[in-house]
Structure formats: structure tokens, C-alpha cells
Amino acid sequence: MFKPITSFGKKKLQDEMDSLIQLRPKISATIGTAADNGDLSENADYHAAKDWQGDNERKIAILSKKLSEVYIPEIESDNNTVKFGFFVEIQDFDDDNSAIKKYRIVGEYESDIDNGDLSITSPLGRSLLNKKVGDFAEVNTPSGDKIYKILKISIDK
């Protein structure tokens, strides 16, 4: 199943994978140097370098799989409703004094709530989709239901 991602998110994944691939020669050289230091069974440097290699290859495989599963959907220019790739400002309906929160609706592989990137598959992300300014989004949370009012929708920050 293909998963949506923004062009920025896809580039970030690709850049991360490219940097890991570029580490391969350095890791190989480290393994070679460690192997030259004698008995491999008791060579901590060699085992550490092999662990590093395994971790690096595992991360490359994960990123490669993610990149094979994504697509960049066309972003609609109509910003009347919350859609993938759009920015949305919301406020807790039960607390007019609560901070206004601003999120960009993104794919699950690029979600970073601390930076305002909200996954389209998260409960809040799903509840915001297709809402309009002035609408309310209800989210079931562990501490009870929360209701947010949609204040603003935009294509860019």
C-alpha cells in the first residue's frame, strides 16, 4: 500500500539514506583497520565496527523500504478545507485562552509533532481532514475527548 508524503519529506528520507550509503567506505575501512590488529575473536574494535556496519545497513534497508512505499500526491490549490500538505491552525474549543496550534498535515513517515508536522494517520490528523474554517474536530484522547476549532487553513506557512 502506498503512503502519501510531501516532496520535502521524500527528499529528507532520500538525503538520510544517501548519507548512510556514503558511510559505507568509512565503515569498511574501519573494519579493515580493526581486522589488521590481530585475533578477531577478542578484537573489540572489530566487533564494534561490524555492529556499526549492521546498524547502518539496517537503517538503509528501512529507508529504502519506506521510499518504495511512498508517493507525492498532488496538492490541491483550494484551501477551503483541510487536506494533505496544508497548514491548519486550531485551538482547544473548551479553553479560549489555550495556545493556538499550527500543524502541517503530512505523511506518517515524515511526522514530527515537535516541529508541527502532523501525520495524516494520527487521530488528530484524521479528525481535521476535510474540515473548514469554523468547523470543529473531535479527538478521542486517553484523558477524554478533546474538541478543536479550526481557525485558519492555508497552503503555506
N, C-alpha and C. Protein backbone atom coordinates (compact mmCIF):
# COMPACT_ATOMS: atom_id res chain seq x y z
N MET A 1 0.84 -1.18 0.00
CA MET A 1 0.00 0.00 0.00
C MET A 1 0.88 1.24 0.00
N PHE A 2 0.57 2.16 -0.88
CA PHE A 2 1.37 3.38 -0.97
C PHE A 2 0.91 4.40 0.06
N LYS A 3 1.88 5.16 0.56
CA LYS A 3 1.61 6.15 1.60
C LYS A 3 1.97 7.53 1.07
N PRO A 4 1.14 8.53 1.38
CA PRO A 4 1.44 9.87 0.90
C PRO A 4 2.61 10.49 1.66
N ILE A 5 3.33 11.35 0.96
CA ILE A 5 4.45 12.08 1.56
C ILE A 5 4.60 13.39 0.79
N THR A 6 5.05 14.42 1.47
CA THR A 6 5.32 15.68 0.77
C THR A 6 6.65 15.56 0.04
N SER A 7 6.88 16.42 -0.92
CA SER A 7 8.16 16.38 -1.65
C SER A 7 9.31 16.67 -0.70
N PHE A 8 9.09 17.56 0.28
CA PHE A 8 10.12 17.85 1.27
C PHE A 8 10.42 16.61 2.12
N GLY A 9 9.38 15.91 2.54
CA GLY A 9 9.56 14.70 3.34
C GLY A 9 10.30 13.61 2.59
N LYS A 10 9.97 13.44 1.31
CA LYS A 10 10.64 12.43 0.50
C LYS A 10 12.12 12.77 0.33
N LYS A 11 12.40 14.05 0.09
CA LYS A 11 13.79 14.48 -0.06
C LYS A 11 14.57 14.24 1.23
N LYS A 12 13.94 14.49 2.37
CA LYS A 12 14.59 14.28 3.66
C LYS A 12 14.94 12.81 3.86
N LEU A 13 14.00 11.90 3.53
CA LEU A 13 14.28 10.47 3.62
C LEU A 13 15.41 10.07 2.68
N GLN A 14 15.36 10.58 1.44
CA GLN A 14 16.39 10.24 0.46
C GLN A 14 17.75 10.76 0.89
N ASP A 15 17.80 11.98 1.40
CA ASP A 15 19.07 12.55 1.88
C ASP A 15 19.65 11.74 3.04
N GLU A 16 18.77 11.30 3.94
CA GLU A 16 19.22 10.48 5.07
C GLU A 16 19.81 9.16 4.57
N MET A 17 19.13 8.53 3.61
CA MET A 17 19.63 7.27 3.07
C MET A 17 20.95 7.49 2.33
N ASP A 18 21.04 8.55 1.55
CA ASP A 18 22.28 8.85 0.83
C ASP A 18 23.45 9.05 1.78
N SER A 19 23.21 9.73 2.90
CA SER A 19 24.31 9.95 3.85
C SER A 19 24.75 8.64 4.50
N LEU A 20 23.81 7.73 4.73
CA LEU A 20 24.17 6.42 5.28
C LEU A 20 24.95 5.59 4.25
N ILE A 21 24.55 5.69 3.00
CA ILE A 21 25.27 4.97 1.94
C ILE A 21 26.70 5.50 1.81
N GLN A 22 26.86 6.81 1.97
CA GLN A 22 28.20 7.41 1.89
C GLN A 22 29.10 6.99 3.05
N LEU A 23 28.50 6.48 4.12
CA LEU A 23 29.29 5.99 5.26
C LEU A 23 29.93 4.63 5.00
N ARG A 24 29.43 3.90 4.02
CA ARG A 24 29.90 2.54 3.77
C ARG A 24 31.42 2.44 3.62
N PRO A 25 32.06 3.27 2.80
CA PRO A 25 33.53 3.14 2.67
C PRO A 25 34.28 3.39 3.98
N LYS A 26 33.79 4.35 4.76
CA LYS A 26 34.43 4.64 6.06
C LYS A 26 34.28 3.45 7.00
N ILE A 27 33.09 2.86 7.02
CA ILE A 27 32.86 1.70 7.88
C ILE A 27 33.75 0.53 7.43
N SER A 28 33.81 0.31 6.14
CA SER A 28 34.66 -0.78 5.62
C SER A 28 36.12 -0.56 5.99
N ALA A 29 36.58 0.67 5.87
CA ALA A 29 37.97 0.98 6.23
C ALA A 29 38.21 0.74 7.72
N THR A 30 37.24 1.09 8.54
CA THR A 30 37.36 0.88 9.98
C THR A 30 37.41 -0.62 10.29
N ILE A 31 36.60 -1.40 9.61
CA ILE A 31 36.62 -2.86 9.79
C ILE A 31 37.98 -3.42 9.37
N GLY A 32 38.48 -2.95 8.23
CA GLY A 32 39.78 -3.42 7.74
C GLY A 32 40.91 -3.10 8.69
N THR A 33 40.91 -1.88 9.21
CA THR A 33 41.95 -1.48 10.16
C THR A 33 41.87 -2.31 11.44
N ALA A 34 40.67 -2.52 11.92
CA ALA A 34 40.48 -3.31 13.14
C ALA A 34 40.88 -4.77 12.91
N ALA A 35 40.58 -5.30 11.73
CA ALA A 35 40.92 -6.69 11.42
C ALA A 35 42.43 -6.89 11.38
N ASP A 36 43.16 -5.86 11.00
CA ASP A 36 44.62 -5.94 10.94
C ASP A 36 45.26 -5.98 12.32
N ASN A 37 44.49 -5.75 13.36
CA ASN A 37 45.02 -5.70 14.72
C ASN A 37 45.07 -7.06 15.40
N GLY A 38 44.87 -8.13 14.66
CA GLY A 38 45.07 -9.45 15.26
C GLY A 38 43.82 -10.26 15.41
N ASP A 39 43.83 -11.14 16.38
CA ASP A 39 42.79 -12.13 16.64
C ASP A 39 41.41 -11.48 16.69
N LEU A 40 40.53 -11.87 15.76
CA LEU A 40 39.21 -11.24 15.65
C LEU A 40 38.28 -11.64 16.79
N SER A 41 38.50 -12.79 17.39
CA SER A 41 37.59 -13.24 18.45
C SER A 41 37.65 -12.36 19.69
N GLU A 42 38.78 -11.69 19.91
CA GLU A 42 38.92 -10.83 21.09
C GLU A 42 39.17 -9.38 20.70
N ASN A 43 38.80 -9.02 19.49
CA ASN A 43 39.07 -7.69 18.96
C ASN A 43 37.82 -6.81 19.10
N ALA A 44 37.77 -6.01 20.15
CA ALA A 44 36.60 -5.17 20.43
C ALA A 44 36.37 -4.13 19.33
N ASP A 45 37.44 -3.57 18.77
CA ASP A 45 37.29 -2.58 17.70
C ASP A 45 36.64 -3.20 16.47
N TYR A 46 37.03 -4.41 16.16
CA TYR A 46 36.48 -5.12 15.00
C TYR A 46 34.98 -5.37 15.22
N HIS A 47 34.61 -5.87 16.40
CA HIS A 47 33.21 -6.17 16.68
C HIS A 47 32.36 -4.89 16.71
N ALA A 48 32.91 -3.82 17.23
CA ALA A 48 32.19 -2.54 17.25
C ALA A 48 31.96 -2.04 15.82
N ALA A 49 32.98 -2.17 14.98
CA ALA A 49 32.86 -1.74 13.58
C ALA A 49 31.84 -2.60 12.83
N LYS A 50 31.82 -3.90 13.11
CA LYS A 50 30.84 -4.79 12.47
C LYS A 50 29.42 -4.45 12.94
N ASP A 51 29.28 -4.10 14.22
CA ASP A 51 27.97 -3.68 14.74
C ASP A 51 27.53 -2.38 14.04
N TRP A 52 28.47 -1.46 13.88
CA TRP A 52 28.18 -0.20 13.20
C TRP A 52 27.71 -0.49 11.77
N GLN A 53 28.40 -1.39 11.11
CA GLN A 53 28.04 -1.76 9.74
C GLN A 53 26.62 -2.35 9.70
N GLY A 54 26.33 -3.24 10.65
CA GLY A 54 25.00 -3.84 10.70
C GLY A 54 23.90 -2.82 10.94
N ASP A 55 24.15 -1.90 11.86
CA ASP A 55 23.17 -0.84 12.14
C ASP A 55 22.96 0.04 10.91
N ASN A 56 24.05 0.38 10.26
CA ASN A 56 23.97 1.24 9.08
C ASN A 56 23.18 0.55 7.96
N GLU A 57 23.46 -0.72 7.71
CA GLU A 57 22.77 -1.45 6.65
C GLU A 57 21.29 -1.64 6.98
N ARG A 58 20.99 -1.84 8.26
CA ARG A 58 19.60 -1.97 8.70
C ARG A 58 18.84 -0.66 8.44
N LYS A 59 19.46 0.46 8.77
CA LYS A 59 18.82 1.75 8.54
C LYS A 59 18.61 2.02 7.05
N ILE A 60 19.59 1.65 6.24
CA ILE A 60 19.46 1.82 4.78
C ILE A 60 18.30 0.98 4.27
N ALA A 61 18.18 -0.26 4.73
CA ALA A 61 17.09 -1.13 4.29
C ALA A 61 15.73 -0.56 4.69
N ILE A 62 15.63 -0.02 5.89
CA ILE A 62 14.37 0.57 6.36
C ILE A 62 14.00 1.78 5.50
N LEU A 63 14.97 2.65 5.26
CA LEU A 63 14.70 3.84 4.46
C LEU A 63 14.37 3.47 3.02
N SER A 64 15.05 2.48 2.49
CA SER A 64 14.78 2.02 1.12
C SER A 64 13.35 1.50 1.01
N LYS A 65 12.92 0.73 2.01
CA LYS A 65 11.56 0.20 2.01
C LYS A 65 10.55 1.35 2.10
N LYS A 66 10.80 2.30 2.98
CA LYS A 66 9.89 3.44 3.10
C LYS A 66 9.79 4.20 1.77
N LEU A 67 10.94 4.45 1.15
CA LEU A 67 10.94 5.20 -0.11
C LEU A 67 10.21 4.45 -1.22
N SER A 68 10.21 3.12 -1.15
CA SER A 68 9.50 2.33 -2.17
C SER A 68 7.99 2.35 -1.94
N GLU A 69 7.55 2.77 -0.77
CA GLU A 69 6.13 2.74 -0.41
C GLU A 69 5.44 4.10 -0.53
N VAL A 70 6.17 5.15 -0.87
CA VAL A 70 5.57 6.48 -0.83
C VAL A 70 5.25 7.03 -2.22
N TYR A 71 4.35 7.96 -2.23
CA TYR A 71 4.04 8.74 -3.43
C TYR A 71 3.75 10.17 -3.01
N ILE A 72 3.97 11.09 -3.92
CA ILE A 72 3.72 12.50 -3.64
C ILE A 72 2.38 12.87 -4.29
N PRO A 73 1.34 13.05 -3.48
CA PRO A 73 0.06 13.40 -4.07
C PRO A 73 0.07 14.85 -4.54
N GLU A 74 -0.76 15.11 -5.50
CA GLU A 74 -0.89 16.48 -5.99
C GLU A 74 -1.61 17.29 -4.92
N ILE A 75 -1.03 18.42 -4.57
CA ILE A 75 -1.63 19.29 -3.56
C ILE A 75 -2.65 20.19 -4.25
N GLU A 76 -3.86 20.14 -3.76
CA GLU A 76 -4.91 20.96 -4.34
C GLU A 76 -4.69 22.43 -3.99
N SER A 77 -5.11 23.31 -4.87
CA SER A 77 -4.93 24.74 -4.60
C SER A 77 -6.10 25.32 -3.80
N ASP A 78 -7.19 24.59 -3.71
CA ASP A 78 -8.36 25.04 -2.95
C ASP A 78 -8.07 24.88 -1.47
N ASN A 79 -7.94 26.00 -0.77
CA ASN A 79 -7.63 25.90 0.66
C ASN A 79 -8.85 26.18 1.55
N ASN A 80 -10.02 25.77 1.08
CA ASN A 80 -11.23 25.93 1.89
C ASN A 80 -11.40 24.80 2.89
N THR A 81 -10.76 23.66 2.63
CA THR A 81 -10.87 22.52 3.55
C THR A 81 -9.47 21.98 3.85
N VAL A 82 -9.33 21.35 5.00
CA VAL A 82 -8.06 20.77 5.42
C VAL A 82 -7.77 19.56 4.55
N LYS A 83 -6.62 19.57 3.91
CA LYS A 83 -6.19 18.48 3.03
C LYS A 83 -4.73 18.15 3.31
N PHE A 84 -4.29 17.04 2.75
CA PHE A 84 -2.89 16.64 2.86
C PHE A 84 -1.99 17.76 2.36
N GLY A 85 -0.94 18.07 3.12
CA GLY A 85 0.03 19.08 2.73
C GLY A 85 -0.34 20.49 3.17
N PHE A 86 -1.54 20.68 3.68
CA PHE A 86 -1.98 22.01 4.09
C PHE A 86 -1.56 22.30 5.53
N PHE A 87 -1.54 23.58 5.84
CA PHE A 87 -1.31 24.04 7.21
C PHE A 87 -2.67 24.37 7.82
N VAL A 88 -2.82 24.08 9.09
CA VAL A 88 -4.08 24.36 9.77
C VAL A 88 -3.77 24.90 11.16
N GLU A 89 -4.51 25.92 11.54
CA GLU A 89 -4.40 26.46 12.89
C GLU A 89 -5.66 26.06 13.65
N ILE A 90 -5.43 25.54 14.87
CA ILE A 90 -6.55 25.08 15.69
C ILE A 90 -6.39 25.60 17.12
N GLN A 91 -7.51 25.60 17.81
CA GLN A 91 -7.49 25.98 19.22
C GLN A 91 -8.45 25.08 19.98
N ASP A 92 -8.07 24.74 21.20
CA ASP A 92 -8.91 23.93 22.07
C ASP A 92 -10.23 24.67 22.29
N PHE A 93 -11.34 24.06 21.90
CA PHE A 93 -12.65 24.69 21.98
C PHE A 93 -13.07 24.96 23.43
N ASP A 94 -12.66 24.09 24.35
CA ASP A 94 -13.06 24.23 25.74
C ASP A 94 -12.24 25.26 26.50
N ASP A 95 -11.20 25.80 25.86
CA ASP A 95 -10.31 26.74 26.54
C ASP A 95 -9.91 27.85 25.57
N ASP A 96 -10.65 28.96 25.59
CA ASP A 96 -10.37 30.08 24.68
C ASP A 96 -9.00 30.68 24.92
N ASN A 97 -8.43 30.45 26.08
CA ASN A 97 -7.11 31.01 26.40
C ASN A 97 -5.97 30.06 26.03
N SER A 98 -6.30 28.90 25.50
CA SER A 98 -5.25 27.94 25.14
C SER A 98 -4.49 28.48 23.92
N ALA A 99 -3.28 28.02 23.80
CA ALA A 99 -2.43 28.46 22.69
C ALA A 99 -3.01 27.95 21.37
N ILE A 100 -2.86 28.78 20.35
CA ILE A 100 -3.24 28.35 19.00
C ILE A 100 -2.12 27.44 18.50
N LYS A 101 -2.50 26.28 17.99
CA LYS A 101 -1.52 25.33 17.48
C LYS A 101 -1.59 25.32 15.96
N LYS A 102 -0.41 25.27 15.34
CA LYS A 102 -0.34 25.26 13.89
C LYS A 102 0.35 23.98 13.44
N TYR A 103 -0.30 23.25 12.55
CA TYR A 103 0.24 21.99 12.05
C TYR A 103 0.20 21.95 10.53
N ARG A 104 1.11 21.17 9.98
CA ARG A 104 1.05 20.82 8.56
C ARG A 104 0.65 19.35 8.52
N ILE A 105 -0.32 19.01 7.69
CA ILE A 105 -0.79 17.64 7.57
C ILE A 105 0.15 16.92 6.60
N VAL A 106 0.86 15.91 7.11
CA VAL A 106 1.89 15.21 6.33
C VAL A 106 1.70 13.70 6.42
N GLY A 107 2.54 12.98 5.69
CA GLY A 107 2.52 11.52 5.72
C GLY A 107 3.14 10.98 7.00
N GLU A 108 2.85 9.73 7.30
CA GLU A 108 3.32 9.15 8.57
C GLU A 108 4.83 9.02 8.64
N TYR A 109 5.52 8.92 7.51
CA TYR A 109 6.98 8.78 7.54
C TYR A 109 7.70 10.10 7.78
N GLU A 110 6.98 11.20 7.74
CA GLU A 110 7.63 12.50 7.95
C GLU A 110 7.05 13.23 9.16
N SER A 111 6.18 12.56 9.87
CA SER A 111 5.53 13.17 11.03
C SER A 111 6.57 13.57 12.08
N ASP A 112 6.44 14.79 12.58
CA ASP A 112 7.32 15.32 13.62
C ASP A 112 6.52 16.37 14.38
N ILE A 113 5.76 15.94 15.35
CA ILE A 113 4.82 16.81 16.05
C ILE A 113 5.52 18.00 16.70
N ASP A 114 6.77 17.80 17.17
CA ASP A 114 7.51 18.90 17.80
C ASP A 114 7.80 20.03 16.82
N ASN A 115 7.84 19.71 15.53
CA ASN A 115 8.07 20.72 14.50
C ASN A 115 6.80 21.08 13.74
N GLY A 116 5.66 20.63 14.26
CA GLY A 116 4.38 21.00 13.65
C GLY A 116 3.96 20.14 12.47
N ASP A 117 4.64 19.01 12.26
CA ASP A 117 4.27 18.10 11.17
C ASP A 117 3.41 16.98 11.73
N LEU A 118 2.12 17.02 11.43
CA LEU A 118 1.13 16.12 12.00
C LEU A 118 0.77 15.04 10.98
N SER A 119 0.90 13.78 11.38
CA SER A 119 0.59 12.67 10.48
C SER A 119 -0.88 12.64 10.11
N ILE A 120 -1.11 12.39 8.84
CA ILE A 120 -2.47 12.25 8.33
C ILE A 120 -3.17 11.04 8.94
N THR A 121 -2.39 10.08 9.46
CA THR A 121 -2.96 8.87 10.05
C THR A 121 -3.16 8.98 11.56
N SER A 122 -2.71 10.07 12.16
CA SER A 122 -2.90 10.24 13.61
C SER A 122 -4.37 10.55 13.89
N PRO A 123 -4.82 10.29 15.10
CA PRO A 123 -6.22 10.61 15.42
C PRO A 123 -6.57 12.08 15.16
N LEU A 124 -5.69 13.00 15.56
CA LEU A 124 -5.96 14.42 15.32
C LEU A 124 -5.92 14.73 13.83
N GLY A 125 -4.93 14.19 13.12
CA GLY A 125 -4.83 14.42 11.68
C GLY A 125 -6.08 13.94 10.95
N ARG A 126 -6.53 12.74 11.29
CA ARG A 126 -7.73 12.19 10.65
C ARG A 126 -8.96 13.05 10.95
N SER A 127 -9.04 13.55 12.19
CA SER A 127 -10.23 14.33 12.56
C SER A 127 -10.26 15.70 11.90
N LEU A 128 -9.11 16.21 11.51
CA LEU A 128 -9.05 17.53 10.87
C LEU A 128 -9.35 17.48 9.37
N LEU A 129 -9.11 16.33 8.74
CA LEU A 129 -9.29 16.23 7.29
C LEU A 129 -10.69 16.63 6.86
N ASN A 130 -10.72 17.40 5.78
CA ASN A 130 -11.95 17.84 5.12
C ASN A 130 -12.80 18.79 5.95
N LYS A 131 -12.24 19.31 7.04
CA LYS A 131 -12.96 20.32 7.82
C LYS A 131 -12.68 21.70 7.22
N LYS A 132 -13.58 22.64 7.52
CA LYS A 132 -13.46 24.02 7.04
C LYS A 132 -13.22 24.95 8.22
N VAL A 133 -12.81 26.17 7.92
CA VAL A 133 -12.64 27.17 8.97
C VAL A 133 -13.98 27.33 9.69
N GLY A 134 -13.91 27.30 11.03
CA GLY A 134 -15.11 27.40 11.85
C GLY A 134 -15.66 26.05 12.28
N ASP A 135 -15.25 24.98 11.59
CA ASP A 135 -15.69 23.63 11.96
C ASP A 135 -14.97 23.18 13.23
N PHE A 136 -15.49 22.11 13.79
CA PHE A 136 -14.90 21.52 15.00
C PHE A 136 -14.42 20.11 14.69
N ALA A 137 -13.30 19.75 15.27
CA ALA A 137 -12.76 18.40 15.13
C ALA A 137 -12.71 17.78 16.51
N GLU A 138 -13.32 16.61 16.64
CA GLU A 138 -13.34 15.91 17.92
C GLU A 138 -12.33 14.76 17.88
N VAL A 139 -11.53 14.69 18.93
CA VAL A 139 -10.48 13.66 19.02
C VAL A 139 -10.62 12.94 20.34
N ASN A 140 -10.62 11.62 20.26
CA ASN A 140 -10.66 10.80 21.47
C ASN A 140 -9.24 10.63 21.96
N THR A 141 -8.95 11.12 23.17
CA THR A 141 -7.62 11.02 23.76
C THR A 141 -7.69 10.19 25.03
N PRO A 142 -6.56 9.72 25.52
CA PRO A 142 -6.57 8.95 26.77
C PRO A 142 -7.19 9.71 27.95
N SER A 143 -7.09 11.05 27.92
CA SER A 143 -7.65 11.84 29.02
C SER A 143 -9.08 12.31 28.72
N GLY A 144 -9.68 11.77 27.66
CA GLY A 144 -11.04 12.13 27.31
C GLY A 144 -11.11 12.81 25.95
N ASP A 145 -12.31 13.04 25.51
CA ASP A 145 -12.50 13.68 24.20
C ASP A 145 -12.06 15.14 24.24
N LYS A 146 -11.40 15.56 23.17
CA LYS A 146 -10.99 16.96 23.01
C LYS A 146 -11.67 17.48 21.74
N ILE A 147 -12.07 18.73 21.80
CA ILE A 147 -12.68 19.36 20.64
C ILE A 147 -11.84 20.58 20.27
N TYR A 148 -11.48 20.65 18.99
CA TYR A 148 -10.67 21.76 18.48
C TYR A 148 -11.47 22.52 17.43
N LYS A 149 -11.31 23.82 17.45
CA LYS A 149 -11.94 24.67 16.44
C LYS A 149 -10.90 25.01 15.38
N ILE A 150 -11.28 24.87 14.11
CA ILE A 150 -10.38 25.20 13.01
C ILE A 150 -10.46 26.71 12.79
N LEU A 151 -9.30 27.37 12.95
CA LEU A 151 -9.24 28.83 12.84
C LEU A 151 -8.77 29.31 11.48
N LYS A 152 -7.84 28.57 10.88
CA LYS A 152 -7.24 29.01 9.62
C LYS A 152 -6.72 27.81 8.86
N ILE A 153 -6.83 27.85 7.54
CA ILE A 153 -6.31 26.82 6.66
C ILE A 153 -5.51 27.53 5.57
N SER A 154 -4.30 27.04 5.30
CA SER A 154 -3.50 27.66 4.24
C SER A 154 -2.63 26.62 3.56
N ILE A 155 -2.19 26.97 2.36
CA ILE A 155 -1.33 26.08 1.58
C ILE A 155 0.12 26.22 2.05
N ASP A 156 0.48 27.38 2.52
CA ASP A 156 1.85 27.58 3.02
C ASP A 156 1.81 28.27 4.36
N LYS A 157 2.97 28.30 5.01
CA LYS A 157 3.06 28.89 6.34
C LYS A 157 2.58 30.30 6.30
